[in-house]
Amino acid sequence: MNKVKNEISFEDFTKVDIRIGTI
């Protein structure tokens, strides 16, 4: 369960990183 949560967290982090890079 923790592994799946980490994967989702990583995906969200990547999305946020891309958003910051776009701005």
N, C-alpha and C. Protein backbone atom coordinates (compact mmCIF):
# COMPACT_ATOMS: atom_id res chain seq x y z
N MET A 1 0.85 -1.20 0.00
CA MET A 1 0.00 0.00 0.00
C MET A 1 0.89 1.26 0.00
N ASN A 2 1.90 1.24 0.81
CA ASN A 2 2.78 2.40 0.89
C ASN A 2 3.44 2.65 -0.48
N LYS A 3 3.82 1.55 -1.15
CA LYS A 3 4.48 1.71 -2.45
C LYS A 3 3.53 2.42 -3.42
N VAL A 4 2.29 2.00 -3.44
CA VAL A 4 1.32 2.61 -4.36
C VAL A 4 1.16 4.08 -4.00
N LYS A 5 1.10 4.37 -2.72
CA LYS A 5 0.94 5.78 -2.30
C LYS A 5 2.15 6.59 -2.77
N ASN A 6 3.33 6.02 -2.65
CA ASN A 6 4.54 6.73 -3.08
C ASN A 6 4.48 7.00 -4.57
N GLU A 7 4.01 6.02 -5.34
CA GLU A 7 3.92 6.21 -6.79
C GLU A 7 2.99 7.36 -7.11
N ILE A 8 1.84 7.41 -6.45
CA ILE A 8 0.88 8.50 -6.71
C ILE A 8 1.51 9.83 -6.30
N SER A 9 2.18 9.83 -5.16
CA SER A 9 2.81 11.07 -4.67
C SER A 9 3.85 11.53 -5.70
N PHE A 10 4.64 10.59 -6.23
CA PHE A 10 5.67 10.95 -7.20
C PHE A 10 5.02 11.54 -8.45
N GLU A 11 3.92 10.92 -8.88
CA GLU A 11 3.24 11.44 -10.08
C GLU A 11 2.75 12.86 -9.83
N ASP A 12 2.12 13.07 -8.67
CA ASP A 12 1.62 14.41 -8.35
C ASP A 12 2.79 15.39 -8.30
N PHE A 13 3.90 14.97 -7.70
CA PHE A 13 5.06 15.86 -7.60
C PHE A 13 5.56 16.24 -8.99
N THR A 14 5.60 15.25 -9.88
CA THR A 14 6.06 15.52 -11.25
C THR A 14 5.12 16.52 -11.92
N LYS A 15 3.82 16.34 -11.72
CA LYS A 15 2.86 17.26 -12.34
C LYS A 15 3.08 18.67 -11.81
N VAL A 16 3.28 18.79 -10.53
CA VAL A 16 3.50 20.12 -9.93
C VAL A 16 4.80 20.70 -10.48
N ASP A 17 5.84 19.87 -10.59
CA ASP A 17 7.13 20.35 -11.11
C ASP A 17 6.94 20.89 -12.53
N ILE A 18 6.19 20.17 -13.35
CA ILE A 18 5.96 20.62 -14.73
C ILE A 18 5.21 21.95 -14.71
N ARG A 19 4.23 22.05 -13.82
CA ARG A 19 3.45 23.30 -13.75
C ARG A 19 4.36 24.46 -13.37
N ILE A 20 5.22 24.25 -12.40
CA ILE A 20 6.12 25.33 -11.96
C ILE A 20 7.05 25.71 -13.13
N GLY A 21 7.52 24.68 -13.85
CA GLY A 21 8.42 24.95 -14.97
C GLY A 21 7.70 25.71 -16.08
N THR A 22 6.41 25.46 -16.23
CA THR A 22 5.66 26.15 -17.28
C THR A 22 5.48 27.62 -16.92
N ILE A 23 5.27 27.88 -15.65
CA ILE A 23 5.01 29.26 -15.23
C ILE A 23 6.28 30.08 -15.39
